[in-house]
């Protein structure tokens, strides 16, 4: 797919001086952008998010639960003595 950019006349609107140049950029292979404000975009068409934040938060949650378990066990042992 080639992208074409047409430059229009920059100085005035005189038809005799109208110059247009066509420049193609084949290396610019950009994905089409989605307008999320458009109500015609179906629900669930969002691009996938990175998974590393979910993995990090899951690990943080597991460490927090282990900490709470350790604190509970230490209180139980202290009250048993």
N, C-alpha and C. Protein backbone atom coordinates (compact mmCIF):
# COMPACT_ATOMS: atom_id res chain seq x y z
N UNK A 1 0.84 -1.17 0.00
CA UNK A 1 0.00 0.00 0.00
C UNK A 1 0.89 1.24 0.00
N UNK A 2 0.62 2.15 -0.87
CA UNK A 2 1.41 3.38 -0.94
C UNK A 2 0.58 4.54 -0.41
N UNK A 3 1.25 5.39 0.31
CA UNK A 3 0.61 6.60 0.80
C UNK A 3 1.00 7.75 -0.11
N UNK A 4 0.05 8.54 -0.49
CA UNK A 4 0.30 9.64 -1.40
C UNK A 4 -0.08 10.95 -0.71
N UNK A 5 0.81 11.89 -0.77
CA UNK A 5 0.55 13.22 -0.21
C UNK A 5 0.60 14.21 -1.35
N UNK A 6 -0.42 14.99 -1.47
CA UNK A 6 -0.47 15.99 -2.53
C UNK A 6 -0.33 17.36 -1.89
N UNK A 7 0.68 18.09 -2.31
CA UNK A 7 0.88 19.45 -1.81
C UNK A 7 0.13 20.40 -2.73
N UNK A 8 -0.66 21.23 -2.12
CA UNK A 8 -1.39 22.20 -2.92
C UNK A 8 -0.61 23.50 -2.98
N UNK A 9 -1.13 24.37 -3.80
CA UNK A 9 -0.48 25.66 -4.00
C UNK A 9 -0.41 26.41 -2.67
N UNK A 10 0.73 26.97 -2.37
CA UNK A 10 0.92 27.65 -1.10
C UNK A 10 0.68 29.15 -1.19
N UNK A 11 0.80 29.73 -2.36
CA UNK A 11 0.68 31.18 -2.50
C UNK A 11 -0.50 31.51 -3.41
N UNK A 12 -1.63 31.92 -2.81
CA UNK A 12 -2.77 32.36 -3.59
C UNK A 12 -3.52 31.21 -4.24
N UNK A 13 -4.56 31.56 -5.00
CA UNK A 13 -5.37 30.55 -5.66
C UNK A 13 -5.40 30.77 -7.16
N UNK A 14 -4.36 31.36 -7.71
CA UNK A 14 -4.29 31.61 -9.15
C UNK A 14 -4.13 30.26 -9.88
N UNK A 15 -5.06 29.98 -10.80
CA UNK A 15 -5.06 28.70 -11.49
C UNK A 15 -3.85 28.56 -12.42
N UNK A 16 -3.32 29.67 -12.94
CA UNK A 16 -2.18 29.57 -13.86
C UNK A 16 -0.90 29.19 -13.11
N UNK A 17 -0.82 29.56 -11.84
CA UNK A 17 0.37 29.24 -11.04
C UNK A 17 0.16 28.00 -10.17
N UNK A 18 -0.97 27.34 -10.35
CA UNK A 18 -1.26 26.18 -9.49
C UNK A 18 -0.25 25.07 -9.77
N UNK A 19 0.49 24.73 -8.76
CA UNK A 19 1.46 23.67 -8.88
C UNK A 19 1.15 22.63 -7.82
N UNK A 20 1.10 21.42 -8.25
CA UNK A 20 0.92 20.33 -7.30
C UNK A 20 2.04 19.34 -7.54
N UNK A 21 2.56 18.86 -6.48
CA UNK A 21 3.58 17.83 -6.60
C UNK A 21 3.12 16.63 -5.81
N UNK A 22 3.37 15.48 -6.34
CA UNK A 22 2.93 14.26 -5.70
C UNK A 22 4.16 13.52 -5.17
N UNK A 23 4.13 13.22 -3.92
CA UNK A 23 5.25 12.53 -3.28
C UNK A 23 4.71 11.25 -2.67
N UNK A 24 5.38 10.14 -2.92
CA UNK A 24 4.95 8.87 -2.32
C UNK A 24 5.99 8.43 -1.31
N UNK A 25 5.51 7.84 -0.26
CA UNK A 25 6.37 7.34 0.79
C UNK A 25 6.06 5.85 1.00
N UNK A 26 6.69 4.95 0.24
CA UNK A 26 6.37 3.53 0.40
C UNK A 26 6.90 2.94 1.70
N UNK A 27 7.94 3.56 2.31
CA UNK A 27 8.48 2.98 3.54
C UNK A 27 7.56 3.24 4.73
N UNK A 28 6.70 4.22 4.63
CA UNK A 28 5.82 4.53 5.75
C UNK A 28 4.63 3.58 5.70
N UNK A 29 4.78 2.46 6.30
CA UNK A 29 3.71 1.48 6.37
C UNK A 29 3.03 1.61 7.74
N UNK A 30 2.18 2.58 7.88
CA UNK A 30 1.50 2.82 9.15
C UNK A 30 0.19 2.05 9.18
N UNK A 31 -0.14 1.56 10.37
CA UNK A 31 -1.42 0.90 10.54
C UNK A 31 -2.51 1.98 10.57
N UNK A 32 -3.67 1.67 10.04
CA UNK A 32 -4.74 2.66 10.09
C UNK A 32 -5.15 2.95 11.53
N UNK A 33 -5.36 4.20 11.83
CA UNK A 33 -5.74 4.61 13.18
C UNK A 33 -7.24 4.41 13.36
N UNK A 34 -7.65 4.06 14.56
CA UNK A 34 -9.06 3.86 14.86
C UNK A 34 -9.55 5.06 15.66
N UNK A 35 -10.67 5.62 15.24
CA UNK A 35 -11.27 6.74 15.96
C UNK A 35 -12.19 6.16 17.04
N UNK A 36 -11.71 6.16 18.30
CA UNK A 36 -12.48 5.54 19.38
C UNK A 36 -13.70 6.36 19.76
N UNK A 37 -13.77 7.59 19.30
CA UNK A 37 -14.94 8.42 19.58
C UNK A 37 -16.09 8.11 18.64
N UNK A 38 -15.84 7.37 17.56
CA UNK A 38 -16.85 7.03 16.58
C UNK A 38 -17.76 5.94 17.15
N UNK A 39 -19.08 6.20 17.25
CA UNK A 39 -19.98 5.19 17.82
C UNK A 39 -20.14 3.96 16.93
N UNK A 40 -19.67 4.00 15.70
CA UNK A 40 -19.78 2.84 14.80
C UNK A 40 -18.70 1.80 15.05
N UNK A 41 -17.70 2.12 15.87
CA UNK A 41 -16.64 1.16 16.18
C UNK A 41 -17.21 0.12 17.14
N UNK A 42 -17.17 -1.17 16.78
CA UNK A 42 -17.77 -2.19 17.65
C UNK A 42 -17.04 -2.31 18.99
N UNK A 43 -17.79 -2.69 20.00
CA UNK A 43 -17.22 -2.90 21.32
C UNK A 43 -16.29 -4.11 21.25
N UNK A 44 -15.15 -4.02 21.89
CA UNK A 44 -14.21 -5.13 21.91
C UNK A 44 -13.17 -5.07 20.81
N UNK A 45 -13.15 -4.01 20.02
CA UNK A 45 -12.18 -3.88 18.95
C UNK A 45 -10.92 -3.15 19.41
N UNK A 46 -10.75 -2.98 20.70
CA UNK A 46 -9.58 -2.28 21.21
C UNK A 46 -8.34 -3.14 20.98
N UNK A 47 -7.22 -2.51 20.72
CA UNK A 47 -5.99 -3.29 20.56
C UNK A 47 -5.60 -3.91 21.90
N UNK A 48 -4.93 -5.05 21.88
CA UNK A 48 -4.56 -5.68 23.14
C UNK A 48 -3.55 -4.84 23.91
N UNK A 49 -3.75 -4.79 25.21
CA UNK A 49 -2.84 -4.03 26.07
C UNK A 49 -1.65 -4.90 26.43
N UNK A 50 -0.54 -4.29 26.84
CA UNK A 50 0.61 -5.10 27.26
C UNK A 50 0.26 -5.92 28.51
N UNK A 51 0.85 -7.09 28.62
CA UNK A 51 0.51 -7.99 29.73
C UNK A 51 1.41 -7.79 30.94
N UNK A 52 2.54 -7.08 30.79
CA UNK A 52 3.45 -6.98 31.92
C UNK A 52 2.86 -6.24 33.12
N UNK A 53 2.02 -5.20 32.97
CA UNK A 53 1.46 -4.56 34.18
C UNK A 53 0.57 -5.52 34.98
N UNK A 54 -0.18 -6.37 34.28
CA UNK A 54 -1.02 -7.34 34.98
C UNK A 54 -0.16 -8.35 35.74
N UNK A 55 0.92 -8.80 35.12
CA UNK A 55 1.81 -9.76 35.77
C UNK A 55 2.48 -9.13 36.99
N UNK A 56 2.91 -7.89 36.87
CA UNK A 56 3.56 -7.20 38.00
C UNK A 56 2.56 -7.02 39.14
N UNK A 57 1.36 -6.59 38.83
CA UNK A 57 0.35 -6.39 39.88
C UNK A 57 -0.03 -7.71 40.53
N UNK A 58 -0.08 -8.80 39.76
CA UNK A 58 -0.35 -10.11 40.34
C UNK A 58 0.75 -10.53 41.30
N UNK A 59 1.98 -10.28 40.93
CA UNK A 59 3.11 -10.60 41.80
C UNK A 59 3.09 -9.75 43.07
N UNK A 60 2.79 -8.47 42.93
CA UNK A 60 2.70 -7.58 44.10
C UNK A 60 1.59 -8.05 45.03
N UNK A 61 0.45 -8.47 44.46
CA UNK A 61 -0.66 -8.95 45.27
C UNK A 61 -0.26 -10.22 46.02
N UNK A 62 0.44 -11.14 45.36
CA UNK A 62 0.88 -12.37 46.03
C UNK A 62 1.86 -12.07 47.17
N UNK A 63 2.77 -11.13 46.96
CA UNK A 63 3.70 -10.73 48.02
C UNK A 63 2.93 -10.12 49.19
N UNK A 64 1.92 -9.31 48.90
CA UNK A 64 1.11 -8.68 49.95
C UNK A 64 0.35 -9.74 50.76
N UNK A 65 -0.22 -10.72 50.10
CA UNK A 65 -0.94 -11.79 50.80
C UNK A 65 0.04 -12.59 51.64
N UNK A 66 1.23 -12.88 51.14
CA UNK A 66 2.24 -13.60 51.91
C UNK A 66 2.64 -12.78 53.15
N UNK A 67 2.77 -11.48 52.99
CA UNK A 67 3.10 -10.61 54.12
C UNK A 67 2.00 -10.65 55.18
N UNK A 68 0.75 -10.56 54.73
CA UNK A 68 -0.37 -10.61 55.69
C UNK A 68 -0.43 -11.96 56.40
N UNK A 69 -0.18 -13.03 55.67
CA UNK A 69 -0.16 -14.36 56.27
C UNK A 69 0.98 -14.47 57.31
N UNK A 70 2.14 -13.94 56.97
CA UNK A 70 3.27 -13.97 57.91
C UNK A 70 2.96 -13.15 59.16
N UNK A 71 2.31 -12.01 59.01
CA UNK A 71 1.95 -11.18 60.17
C UNK A 71 0.92 -11.89 61.03
N UNK A 72 -0.04 -12.56 60.39
CA UNK A 72 -1.05 -13.29 61.15
C UNK A 72 -0.42 -14.43 61.94
N UNK A 73 0.49 -15.17 61.29
CA UNK A 73 1.16 -16.25 61.98
C UNK A 73 2.02 -15.76 63.13
N UNK A 74 2.67 -14.62 62.96
CA UNK A 74 3.51 -14.08 64.03
C UNK A 74 2.66 -13.62 65.22
N UNK A 75 1.48 -13.09 64.97
CA UNK A 75 0.59 -12.67 66.06
C UNK A 75 0.05 -13.90 66.78
N UNK A 76 -0.30 -14.95 66.01
CA UNK A 76 -0.80 -16.17 66.63
C UNK A 76 0.27 -16.81 67.50
N UNK A 77 1.50 -16.84 67.02
CA UNK A 77 2.60 -17.43 67.81
C UNK A 77 2.90 -16.59 69.05
N UNK A 78 2.82 -15.28 68.93
CA UNK A 78 3.10 -14.41 70.08
C UNK A 78 2.02 -14.55 71.14
N UNK A 79 0.77 -14.74 70.74
CA UNK A 79 -0.29 -14.86 71.72
C UNK A 79 -0.33 -16.26 72.35
N UNK A 80 0.26 -17.26 71.69
CA UNK A 80 0.29 -18.62 72.22
C UNK A 80 1.35 -18.76 73.29
N UNK A 81 2.33 -17.90 73.35
CA UNK A 81 3.44 -18.02 74.30
C UNK A 81 3.07 -17.46 75.62
